[in-house]
C-alpha cells in the first residue's frame, strides 16, 4: 500500500496459452503469465520488475522462463558506474556533429550493401599497406607504387578473403590507416629491381649477404614504426608539454595527474564539441503522461504522428494498425500512480514521456517509468528521417545520464532498467553493452553480473543464473491465506474470502498468482475476485 493509503488492484489472467514470439517468430512458443492492472503503486511495481515482471500499457506480464522459446531476463545498468564504450562515444559524436554543422550520416537501408561499402572503405588503407609490403617482398618496380593499376581483392566480382565484419566495423578508421611518416618510410624501402632478378640469389646465401645498392631496405634508416605507436608518443608529448606550461604559469604548481586517471564522464561526452551557437538546437523535455500534464496534452498530436511514422517505417505496420487508440493504450495509459516522497526526486515518481525537440519539433520520444530505485525504459520511437543518428543508442545514453541526475536528489535511485535481455536473439544482445550491468536470476530473483551469466547462456537459453546452489526465493509464497483480495468492494485476506466464496474453487489459480508476485506483494496488492 502506498504512503497515501491507496492499493494496487489487479486481475490475473493466467498463462497457459502460447502466442507468436516476436524474436524467433515461433507461432506458439512465447509463454507468459499476465494480469491487468487497474492501478498500481510505484513501490509494488518496483518489486514486481525485480521479480521479472514488465508492463505494456496497463497489462503486466512475466515470461514463463523455463518454457518460453526465447527466455527474457530483466537487465539493469549501474548508472553511477557506467562508462560509455567506443561505440557509444561514436554515437554521441555523430549526433553532436549533426547538431553543430548539420552533417547527417549516410543512411544504410540497402540490404547490407552499405555496411559492405563501409568495410571496404575501412580496409582500403590497410590494402594499400599490404600492397606495398607485397611489392617490397617480390621486388616490384617503383612504377607499381607510382600509378600503375593493380587488381584489388575488393574489385567487383572478386570476393575478399573471410573477415570478421563486426571487428572491422568497430575499429577506428585511424587505427588501420597509415600516417604520412609511415608512408614515406615504406615508399623509400621499395626495390626498383624486377622480382625475377631478386629470385636469382641463392637461397642459402640470402641471410648472410648484405643487400647491394638499390636492393632491399636501407639499413642506415631507422626501422618503420606503427602509426598507432607514433600517435601515442605524440599524445604523451603533448600532455607533458601541457603539464610543463601549466607548471610554469602557476605560482604554486601542483602535480597534475595523467589524463588516463580521469576518464571523461558521460555528461561531458554528451555536451562535447557543441559550439555556443550550433546549427541545430536539441531540447529534452520531461512531461508526465499519467495523469497527463498540460505539456503532454499540448504535444500529444505531434508525438502521435512521430509514433505512427516510426511504426510504419521501422516495424512495417500498416496505417490502420498504428491508430491513435492503440498509441494511447500502448504508450500513454499506465497503471502507475503519480507519487512523491521527501527523499524522492523533484519530478516525483510515475510514468513520463521524455521528448526530444529539434529546432522546435519532436523527433523522438522515450517512454519512462521513474520508480523508487530506478528509471525503467518502456519504449522509444523516433522520426524515421533521423534513423541514421542511432537515436536508440543516443536516447539510452541520455536516459542513463538522467538517472544519474535523479540520483543526486534521491540517493537510492541508482539503476537504469533496459527491459529484457534476450540472449537467444542476437539482435537483442546490444543491451548487454551498457556496463556494468546485471541480469535477474529467474529462480532466486537475485542479481548477477552479466559477464558471469553469458557463459551459462551460451550453453542454454534458459539458466538459473545464481551461482549459489542452496539459494532460493527469499519472498516465496508461504501463507496463501494472507494474500489480499478485493471482493464486492471489500478488502479481505484470501482465507476469509475462501469461506464466503460461491461457485468453483479458484485456489489453484490464486496460488499460482501469489507464487509469481511473491509473499510481500500478495499481501499488499488486491487481487480482484468477481
Foldseek 3Di string as FASTA:
>chain_A
DDPVPDFKEKAWDAWDWAAADPFPRPGRQWIKTKIFTQFHALVLVVLQVLQQWDDFFRMIIHTPQVRHPFHWWWKWAQLVPWDADLVLLVLLVQVLVCQFAVDADDDDPPPCVVLVVVLVVLCVQVQVVVVLVVQQVLQAALVVVVDDDDDGCPPPPHDHDDDDSVVSSSDDSVQRHADPVLVVQSSVFGARGGSVVVVVPDPVCVVPDDDDPRHGGDPVDDDRDGPVVVVVVVVVVVVVVVLVVVQVPDPDDDDDDDVVVPDDDLVCSNCPPHDPDGPKDKDKDKFALVVGDPVCVVCVVLQLVQVLQQCCPPVVDDSVVSDPVVCCSRQRRYSYDFAADQQFFPRGWAWIWIFIAMRHGTFKIWIWTQHLAEIETDDMTGHPVRVSSVVVSVVVSVRSVVQVVRCVSHVNNRMYIDGIQGPVRVVRPVVVSRPQMWTAFNFQSDTDGVVQQVVVCVVPSRDRSDPDPPHGHPQADDDQQLFWAQEPNDIDGVVVVQVVDDDDDCVVVSNVVCRSSGNVSRNRHYHYDD
